[in-house]
Protein backbone atom coordinates (compact mmCIF):
# COMPACT_ATOMS: atom_id res chain seq x y z
CA MET A 1 -48.07 -24.07 -6.86
CA GLU A 2 -44.48 -23.10 -7.59
CA PRO A 3 -43.66 -19.43 -7.17
CA PRO A 4 -43.44 -17.46 -10.41
CA LEU A 5 -40.02 -17.10 -12.02
CA LEU A 6 -40.14 -13.37 -11.29
CA TYR A 7 -40.31 -14.04 -7.55
CA LEU A 8 -37.26 -16.27 -7.72
CA ALA A 9 -35.41 -13.62 -9.71
CA VAL A 10 -36.20 -10.98 -7.06
CA LEU A 11 -34.92 -13.28 -4.30
CA ALA A 12 -31.76 -14.06 -6.26
CA LEU A 13 -31.07 -10.36 -6.93
CA THR A 14 -31.59 -9.56 -3.25
CA ALA A 15 -29.12 -12.29 -2.22
CA MET A 16 -26.56 -10.97 -4.74
CA ALA A 17 -27.01 -7.40 -3.48
CA LEU A 18 -26.52 -8.65 0.07
CA ALA A 19 -23.29 -10.36 -0.95
CA LEU A 20 -21.97 -7.24 -2.71
CA VAL A 21 -22.69 -5.04 0.31
CA LYS A 22 -20.79 -7.40 2.60
CA TYR A 23 -17.97 -7.72 0.07
CA VAL A 24 -17.44 -3.94 -0.07
CA GLU A 25 -17.72 -3.63 3.72
CA VAL A 26 -15.04 -6.26 4.41
CA THR A 27 -12.61 -4.98 1.75
CA PHE A 28 -12.83 -1.46 3.15
CA ILE A 29 -12.24 -2.51 6.75
CA GLY A 30 -9.32 -4.81 5.90
CA ILE A 31 -7.76 -2.70 3.18
CA LYS A 32 -4.00 -2.89 2.64
CA TYR A 33 -2.78 0.47 1.50
CA GLY A 34 0.21 -0.81 -0.44
CA SER A 35 -2.20 -2.25 -3.02
CA LEU A 36 -3.86 1.15 -3.52
CA ARG A 37 -0.93 2.72 -5.35
CA ALA A 38 -1.44 0.75 -8.56
CA ILE A 39 -5.19 1.39 -8.50
CA PHE A 40 -4.71 5.12 -7.96
CA LYS A 41 -2.39 5.28 -10.97
CA GLU A 42 -4.81 3.54 -13.33
CA ASN A 43 -8.03 5.11 -12.04
CA GLU A 44 -7.98 8.72 -10.85
CA LYS A 45 -11.72 8.68 -10.22
CA PHE A 46 -11.35 5.85 -7.72
CA LYS A 47 -8.74 7.87 -5.84
CA ASN A 48 -11.26 10.70 -5.36
CA ILE A 49 -14.04 8.30 -4.38
CA PHE A 50 -11.81 6.46 -1.93
CA LEU A 51 -10.75 9.69 -0.23
CA ARG A 52 -14.42 10.49 0.29
CA TRP A 53 -14.92 7.05 1.83
CA VAL A 54 -12.04 7.64 4.25
CA LYS A 55 -13.24 11.07 5.31
CA ARG A 56 -16.68 9.63 6.15
CA GLY A 57 -15.52 6.10 6.91
CA ASN A 58 -17.63 5.34 9.99
CA LEU A 59 -20.77 6.74 8.40
CA MET A 60 -20.14 4.73 5.23
CA LEU A 61 -19.75 1.49 7.18
CA ALA A 62 -22.82 2.20 9.29
CA SER A 63 -24.82 2.91 6.13
CA LEU A 64 -23.67 -0.35 4.53
CA GLN A 65 -24.75 -2.26 7.63
CA PHE A 66 -28.10 -0.44 7.55
CA LEU A 67 -28.54 -1.42 3.88
CA ARG A 68 -27.62 -5.02 4.65
CA TYR A 69 -30.30 -5.27 7.35
CA LEU A 70 -32.87 -3.72 5.02
CA LEU A 71 -32.08 -6.33 2.37
CA GLU A 72 -32.32 -9.13 4.92
CA ILE A 73 -35.72 -7.91 6.17
CA PHE A 74 -36.99 -7.54 2.61
CA PHE A 75 -35.78 -11.05 1.76
CA ILE A 76 -37.60 -12.61 4.73
CA LEU A 77 -40.84 -10.72 4.11
CA PHE A 78 -40.83 -11.45 0.39
CA LEU A 79 -40.07 -15.12 0.99
CA PHE A 80 -42.91 -15.30 3.53
CA HIS A 81 -45.21 -13.68 0.97
CA ILE A 82 -44.40 -16.53 -1.40
CA THR A 83 -44.45 -19.48 1.01
CA GLU A 84 -46.86 -18.19 3.65
CA ASN A 85 -44.87 -20.31 6.11
CA ILE A 86 -42.85 -18.27 8.61
CA VAL A 87 -40.75 -21.19 9.90
CA PHE A 88 -39.80 -22.34 6.41
CA SER A 89 -39.06 -18.74 5.38
CA LEU A 90 -36.78 -18.16 8.37
CA LEU A 91 -34.86 -21.40 7.77
CA ILE A 92 -34.29 -20.59 4.09
CA ALA A 93 -33.34 -17.02 4.93
CA PHE A 94 -30.90 -18.20 7.61
CA GLY A 95 -29.05 -20.37 5.07
CA VAL A 96 -29.02 -17.63 2.42
CA PHE A 97 -27.74 -15.02 4.87
CA LEU A 98 -24.90 -17.26 6.03
CA ILE A 99 -23.84 -18.17 2.49
CA PHE A 100 -24.42 -14.90 0.60
CA GLY A 101 -24.25 -12.49 3.52
CA GLU A 102 -21.18 -13.90 5.27
CA TYR A 103 -19.18 -16.91 4.03
CA VAL A 104 -18.87 -16.21 0.29
CA PRO A 105 -18.35 -12.40 0.30
CA ARG A 106 -16.08 -12.42 3.37
CA THR A 107 -13.84 -15.17 1.98
CA LEU A 108 -13.57 -13.53 -1.45
CA ALA A 109 -12.92 -10.12 0.12
CA VAL A 110 -10.06 -11.48 2.24
CA GLN A 111 -8.53 -13.35 -0.71
CA GLN A 112 -8.96 -10.70 -3.40
CA GLY A 113 -8.87 -7.47 -1.42
CA VAL A 114 -9.70 -4.07 -2.83
CA ARG A 115 -8.06 -4.88 -6.19
CA LYS A 116 -11.24 -6.66 -7.32
CA ALA A 117 -13.77 -4.59 -5.37
CA TYR A 118 -12.83 -0.99 -6.05
CA ARG A 119 -15.18 -0.60 -9.03
CA LEU A 120 -18.10 -1.06 -6.63
CA TYR A 121 -17.04 1.76 -4.33
CA GLY A 122 -18.46 4.54 -6.50
CA SER A 123 -21.99 3.16 -6.66
CA PHE A 124 -22.12 2.16 -3.01
CA TYR A 125 -20.80 5.54 -1.93
CA TYR A 126 -23.87 7.32 -3.29
CA VAL A 127 -26.17 4.63 -1.89
CA ALA A 128 -24.55 5.08 1.54
CA VAL A 129 -24.84 8.87 1.35
CA PHE A 130 -28.54 8.54 0.51
CA LEU A 131 -29.10 6.29 3.54
CA SER A 132 -26.93 8.34 5.91
CA PRO A 133 -29.75 10.60 7.28
CA PHE A 134 -31.70 7.53 8.39
CA VAL A 135 -28.55 6.07 9.90
CA ARG A 136 -27.83 9.25 11.87
CA LEU A 137 -31.38 9.19 13.21
CA LEU A 138 -30.94 5.61 14.44
CA MET A 139 -27.61 6.52 16.00
CA LEU A 140 -29.23 8.83 18.55
CA PRO A 141 -30.61 6.13 20.89
CA ALA A 142 -27.55 3.96 20.23
CA ASP A 143 -25.21 6.80 21.24
CA ILE A 144 -27.18 7.41 24.43
CA LEU A 145 -26.81 3.77 25.46
CA ILE A 146 -23.09 3.74 24.59
CA LYS A 147 -22.48 6.94 26.55
CA VAL A 148 -24.23 5.46 29.60
CA MET A 149 -21.89 2.46 29.39
CA GLY A 150 -18.80 4.69 29.10
CA GLY A 151 -18.04 4.28 25.41
CA GLU A 152 -17.58 6.67 22.49
CA MET A 153 -20.29 7.64 20.06
CA VAL A 154 -20.73 5.17 17.19
CA LEU A 155 -19.47 7.49 14.46
CA ASN A 156 -16.46 8.55 16.57
CA ALA A 157 -15.12 5.04 17.08
CA PRO A 158 -11.99 4.61 14.92
CA TYR A 159 -12.02 1.96 12.19
CA MET A 160 -8.36 2.61 11.29
CA THR A 161 -5.34 3.93 13.18
CA ASP A 162 -4.79 7.69 13.49
CA LEU A 163 -1.62 7.38 11.40
CA GLU A 164 -3.39 5.64 8.52
CA GLU A 165 -6.31 8.07 8.58
CA GLN A 166 -4.07 11.14 8.62
CA ILE A 167 -1.91 9.82 5.81
CA ILE A 168 -4.81 8.90 3.57
CA LYS A 169 -6.58 12.20 4.13
CA ASN A 170 -3.64 14.59 3.90
CA VAL A 171 -0.96 12.87 1.82
CA LEU A 172 -2.67 10.71 -0.79
CA SER A 173 -4.94 13.65 -1.58
CA GLU A 174 -1.87 15.65 -2.64
CA ASP A 175 0.22 15.31 -5.78
CA ASN A 176 3.54 14.64 -4.06
CA ILE A 177 4.16 11.25 -5.68
CA GLN A 178 7.48 10.53 -3.97
CA GLU A 179 6.10 11.31 -0.52
CA SER A 180 2.92 9.37 -1.25
CA GLU A 181 4.87 6.29 -2.28
CA MET A 182 6.99 6.48 0.87
CA ILE A 183 3.94 6.83 3.09
CA SER A 184 2.22 3.97 1.30
CA SER A 185 5.33 1.88 1.94
CA ILE A 186 5.08 2.71 5.65
CA LEU A 187 1.47 1.56 5.68
CA GLU A 188 2.35 -1.62 3.83
CA PHE A 189 5.38 -2.07 6.09
CA LYS A 190 3.44 -3.77 8.90
CA GLU A 191 2.02 -6.36 6.46
CA THR A 192 5.35 -7.42 4.92
CA THR A 193 7.04 -10.60 6.11
CA VAL A 194 10.74 -11.36 6.31
CA ARG A 195 10.36 -13.98 3.59
CA GLU A 196 9.40 -11.26 1.09
CA ILE A 197 12.58 -9.19 1.51
CA MET A 198 15.27 -11.64 2.65
CA VAL A 199 18.36 -12.60 0.69
CA PRO A 200 17.64 -16.24 -0.30
CA ARG A 201 19.95 -19.01 0.88
CA VAL A 202 21.54 -19.54 -2.54
CA ASP A 203 22.66 -15.89 -2.63
CA ILE A 204 24.19 -15.79 0.86
CA VAL A 205 27.91 -15.03 0.85
CA ALA A 206 29.50 -16.80 3.82
CA VAL A 207 32.86 -18.26 4.81
CA SER A 208 33.88 -21.47 6.53
CA SER A 209 35.22 -21.41 10.08
CA ASP A 210 38.61 -22.67 8.85
CA VAL A 211 39.13 -19.76 6.43
CA THR A 212 42.52 -18.11 6.51
CA PHE A 213 43.12 -14.39 6.88
CA ASP A 214 44.18 -13.97 3.24
CA GLU A 215 41.20 -16.00 1.96
CA LEU A 216 38.85 -13.88 4.06
CA ILE A 217 40.38 -10.67 2.68
CA ASP A 218 39.91 -11.99 -0.87
CA VAL A 219 36.21 -12.72 -0.26
CA ILE A 220 35.68 -9.29 1.25
CA ASP A 221 37.49 -7.62 -1.64
CA GLU A 222 35.47 -9.58 -4.23
CA GLU A 223 32.03 -9.29 -2.63
CA GLY A 224 32.29 -5.87 -0.99
CA HIS A 225 30.40 -6.83 2.19
CA SER A 226 31.22 -5.26 5.57
CA ARG A 227 29.90 -8.33 7.47
CA LEU A 228 30.19 -12.01 6.60
CA PRO A 229 28.46 -15.01 8.17
CA VAL A 230 30.74 -17.81 9.36
CA TYR A 231 29.59 -21.44 9.29
CA ASP A 232 30.91 -24.80 10.46
CA GLU A 233 30.98 -27.46 7.69
CA ARG A 234 27.53 -26.55 6.29
CA LEU A 235 25.63 -23.33 5.92
CA ASP A 236 22.91 -24.38 8.36
CA ASN A 237 25.50 -24.32 11.18
CA ILE A 238 26.03 -20.57 11.49
CA LEU A 239 28.59 -19.77 14.20
CA GLY A 240 28.57 -16.00 14.04
CA ILE A 241 29.42 -12.94 11.99
CA VAL A 242 32.83 -11.45 11.27
CA TYR A 243 33.09 -7.66 10.83
CA VAL A 244 35.58 -6.11 8.40
CA LYS A 245 36.41 -3.36 10.91
CA ASP A 246 37.49 -6.04 13.42
CA LEU A 247 39.88 -7.51 10.84
CA ILE A 248 41.45 -4.12 10.28
CA ARG A 249 41.86 -3.67 14.03
CA VAL A 250 43.54 -7.03 14.77
CA GLY A 251 45.55 -7.49 11.55
CA ARG A 252 47.04 -10.70 10.15
CA ASP A 253 49.37 -11.48 13.05
CA ASN A 254 46.63 -11.49 15.71
CA PHE A 255 43.95 -13.06 13.52
CA SER A 256 41.73 -15.58 15.33
CA LEU A 257 38.34 -16.02 13.73
CA SER A 258 36.71 -17.75 16.71
CA VAL A 259 37.59 -14.80 18.98
CA MET A 260 36.30 -12.21 16.51
CA LEU A 261 32.88 -13.74 15.90
CA ARG A 262 29.88 -11.58 16.76
CA ASP A 263 26.59 -13.04 18.02
CA VAL A 264 23.76 -13.89 15.64
CA PHE A 265 20.03 -14.36 16.07
CA PHE A 266 17.54 -16.39 14.10
CA ILE A 267 14.01 -15.46 13.11
CA PRO A 268 11.12 -17.30 11.41
CA GLU A 269 10.39 -16.46 7.79
CA THR A 270 6.84 -15.44 8.72
CA LYS A 271 7.97 -12.66 11.07
CA LYS A 272 6.69 -9.19 10.17
CA ILE A 273 9.46 -6.73 9.31
CA ASN A 274 8.09 -3.97 11.55
CA SER A 275 8.64 -6.34 14.47
CA LEU A 276 12.09 -7.26 13.13
CA LEU A 277 13.11 -3.60 13.02
CA LYS A 278 12.33 -3.32 16.74
CA ASP A 279 14.47 -6.43 17.37
CA PHE A 280 17.37 -4.90 15.45
CA GLN A 281 17.09 -1.75 17.57
CA ALA A 282 16.80 -3.62 20.86
CA LYS A 283 19.68 -6.02 20.17
CA HIS A 284 21.90 -3.41 18.45
CA MET A 285 22.41 -5.82 15.58
CA HIS A 286 22.26 -5.37 11.81
CA MET A 287 21.76 -8.91 10.49
CA ALA A 288 19.43 -11.81 11.23
CA PHE A 289 19.25 -15.32 9.83
CA VAL A 290 15.92 -16.63 8.57
CA VAL A 291 14.79 -20.20 9.22
CA ASP A 292 11.75 -22.16 8.07
CA GLU A 293 9.36 -24.22 10.18
CA TYR A 294 11.89 -27.08 10.30
CA GLY A 295 14.74 -24.89 11.51
CA ASP A 296 16.61 -24.97 8.20
CA LEU A 297 18.33 -21.80 7.03
CA VAL A 298 16.42 -20.22 4.14
CA GLY A 299 17.96 -16.75 3.98
CA LEU A 300 19.26 -13.71 5.80
CA VAL A 301 18.00 -10.18 6.23
CA THR A 302 19.79 -6.97 7.19
CA ILE A 303 18.58 -3.72 8.66
CA GLU A 304 19.29 -2.17 5.27
CA ASP A 305 16.82 -4.57 3.64
CA VAL A 306 14.17 -3.50 6.13
CA LEU A 307 14.77 0.23 5.69
CA GLU A 308 14.68 -0.11 1.91
CA GLU A 309 11.05 -1.17 2.20
CA ILE A 310 10.30 2.39 3.33
CA VAL A 311 12.74 4.65 1.48
CA GLY A 312 13.46 2.53 -1.58
CA GLU A 313 16.72 1.05 -2.78
CA ILE A 314 19.80 2.14 -0.81
CA GLU A 315 23.01 1.86 -2.82
CA ASP A 316 26.51 2.24 -1.52
CA GLU A 317 29.81 2.45 -3.36
CA TYR A 318 29.99 -1.36 -3.67
CA ASP A 319 26.52 -1.90 -5.12
CA GLU A 320 26.16 -2.52 -8.81
CA GLU A 321 22.78 -1.93 -10.39
CA GLU A 322 21.38 -5.18 -11.70
CA SER A 323 19.62 -4.96 -15.05
CA LEU A 324 16.14 -6.43 -15.14
CA TYR A 325 16.40 -7.11 -18.85
CA ARG A 326 18.47 -6.26 -21.91
CA LYS A 327 17.16 -5.95 -25.45
CA ILE A 328 19.20 -7.95 -27.96
CA ALA A 329 16.95 -7.72 -31.03
CA ASP A 330 13.41 -6.79 -32.00
CA ASN A 331 11.08 -8.61 -29.57
CA GLU A 332 14.03 -10.53 -28.07
CA PHE A 333 15.47 -9.96 -24.61
CA ILE A 334 17.80 -11.38 -21.99
CA VAL A 335 15.84 -11.30 -18.74
CA SER A 336 16.93 -11.62 -15.12
CA PRO A 337 15.35 -14.71 -13.50
CA LYS A 338 15.02 -12.63 -10.31
CA MET A 339 12.54 -10.34 -12.05
CA THR A 340 9.25 -10.45 -10.18
CA LEU A 341 6.16 -11.60 -12.06
CA GLU A 342 4.63 -8.17 -11.54
CA GLU A 343 7.67 -6.48 -13.10
CA PHE A 344 7.65 -8.99 -15.96
CA GLU A 345 3.98 -8.32 -16.73
CA ASP A 346 4.46 -4.54 -16.55
CA GLU A 347 7.58 -4.40 -18.71
CA PHE A 348 6.42 -6.77 -21.46
CA ALA A 349 2.63 -6.32 -21.30
CA ILE A 350 2.19 -10.07 -20.82
CA ASP A 351 -0.60 -11.48 -18.67
CA LEU A 352 0.80 -14.51 -16.84
CA THR A 353 -2.57 -15.33 -15.26
CA GLU A 354 -3.37 -17.09 -18.54
CA HIS A 355 -0.68 -19.61 -17.54
CA GLU A 356 -1.70 -20.23 -13.93
CA ILE A 357 -0.43 -23.40 -12.32
CA THR A 358 -2.62 -25.68 -10.30
CA GLY A 359 -1.35 -26.76 -6.90
CA ASP A 360 0.13 -25.09 -3.85
CA GLU A 361 3.17 -23.53 -5.55
CA ASP A 362 4.26 -20.26 -3.99
CA PHE A 363 6.60 -18.22 -6.19
CA GLU A 364 7.15 -14.56 -6.97
CA THR A 365 9.89 -14.49 -9.63
CA LEU A 366 10.27 -15.49 -13.25
CA ALA A 367 12.57 -18.33 -12.17
CA GLY A 368 9.86 -19.63 -9.84
CA PHE A 369 7.31 -19.44 -12.66
CA ILE A 370 9.49 -21.53 -14.98
CA ILE A 371 10.38 -24.11 -12.30
CA ALA A 372 6.72 -24.49 -11.32
CA HIS A 373 5.71 -25.12 -14.94
CA LEU A 374 8.44 -27.69 -15.48
CA GLY A 375 8.12 -29.36 -12.08
CA ASN A 376 11.87 -29.36 -11.43
CA LEU A 377 14.98 -27.24 -11.95
CA PRO A 378 15.49 -26.81 -15.72
CA LYS A 379 18.88 -27.33 -17.34
CA ARG A 380 20.59 -24.92 -19.67
CA GLY A 381 18.86 -24.92 -23.05
CA PHE A 382 15.38 -25.72 -21.73
CA GLU A 383 12.77 -23.93 -23.83
CA TYR A 384 9.01 -23.60 -23.50
CA ASP A 385 6.50 -22.04 -25.90
CA TYR A 386 3.73 -20.26 -23.98
CA GLY A 387 1.81 -19.21 -27.09
CA ARG A 388 2.42 -15.49 -27.24
CA PHE A 389 6.00 -15.72 -25.99
CA ILE A 390 8.90 -18.18 -25.63
CA LEU A 391 11.18 -18.57 -22.62
CA ARG A 392 14.55 -20.33 -22.82
CA VAL A 393 17.00 -20.96 -19.97
CA THR A 394 20.34 -19.84 -21.37
CA ASP A 395 22.36 -20.31 -18.19
CA ALA A 396 21.81 -22.37 -15.04
CA ASP A 397 23.70 -24.38 -12.45
CA ASN A 398 22.60 -27.25 -10.23
CA ARG A 399 20.83 -24.90 -7.81
CA ARG A 400 19.19 -22.09 -9.78
CA ILE A 401 18.40 -20.41 -13.08
CA LEU A 402 20.94 -17.71 -13.92
CA LYS A 403 19.77 -16.22 -17.23
CA VAL A 404 16.59 -16.37 -19.34
CA TYR A 405 15.98 -15.57 -23.01
CA LEU A 406 12.58 -14.11 -23.93
CA LYS A 407 11.05 -13.86 -27.40
CA ILE A 408 7.73 -12.06 -27.84
CA LYS A 409 5.78 -13.12 -30.91
CA GLU A 410 3.79 -9.90 -31.16
CA ASN A 411 5.18 -6.54 -32.23
CA ASP A 412 4.41 -4.64 -29.05
CA SER A 413 7.61 -5.03 -27.10
CA PRO A 414 8.97 -2.43 -24.62
CA LYS A 415 10.84 0.56 -25.97
CA GLY A 416 14.16 -0.26 -24.39
CA GLY A 417 16.10 -2.03 -21.71
CA LYS A 418 16.94 -1.36 -18.12
């Protein structure tokens, strides 16, 4: 006789609950604090709930594990009640636990992070608090065994670094927005790769090794850089860096570019910027060249780029603020192709996930979005209707998009330009 539909529903609900518990557990352990800022802004209640989780983090995790084991035991016993076959029940339970208790929730948690899971934290917090007395009781024999073996008590073992814990407890609980954003940047700092902050190859200002003194002065005057890369024939063959202060010291009469070149070092695009900062300090250098897996030059990064990830944009007297967009008429704008997709969605209230692209494309800017949709570099005048909005490439060269026109078909455009 087949088990009643109600029995199957109970088993299915238990498996789903098991998956949700594991999902919340993994997202909390592997949380990236840079992603919390946006959630805190849109959901004040989650901020309060999350701070409670952090203050009782070890107990929360232990309670979730306790709940997961309870669900697993219930699933096995209930399945045995239906089948009356312990071997069959254990085999089915083993498969369900691997799929719903490990593979599916863990993979989704790693891919989606807390951004998708945070709505579950409130409910599971109260469930964990309810179970905490039973957990503490079970911890007593466990702590005795751990102490005998020279370890720390279960609830004293850190699940995050002291820095992260102190920051989350004492800073994010305050209303100092500027300080909170800086601290969040520090926490996110260790997760950021060079590829995310580098100056891309097409934007590198460099000079050829056969440049004359006057030509070099003209480039420096036009670009306003204090250091310039020097290459031989092609940009991939970087010879060194020339410093403006060295030019001033030697003058035109004693100018010899090959003698003035400073050493360079190359780094992979996957390198974490916290590690790069240590390299800059150890080598007493301010610039590094970024290469891909094939050794081709893909960009450069300076110590200023790294520090800006913590303190925000650093502008000197030569920097000119680049406008993200400019309003030219009602619902019509000229937009920078360097605008990130996140900035584009925030400024124009447009959800680009409705226009996702299948494949392995990896892009972060509006230019990348357009190129991925077209499949190649669009020429000037290319226009595409996305339904709610229209994008047109108004300026481009043979390497990149330079300017984009945006028309929004609905009457809910931003209030101004930047």
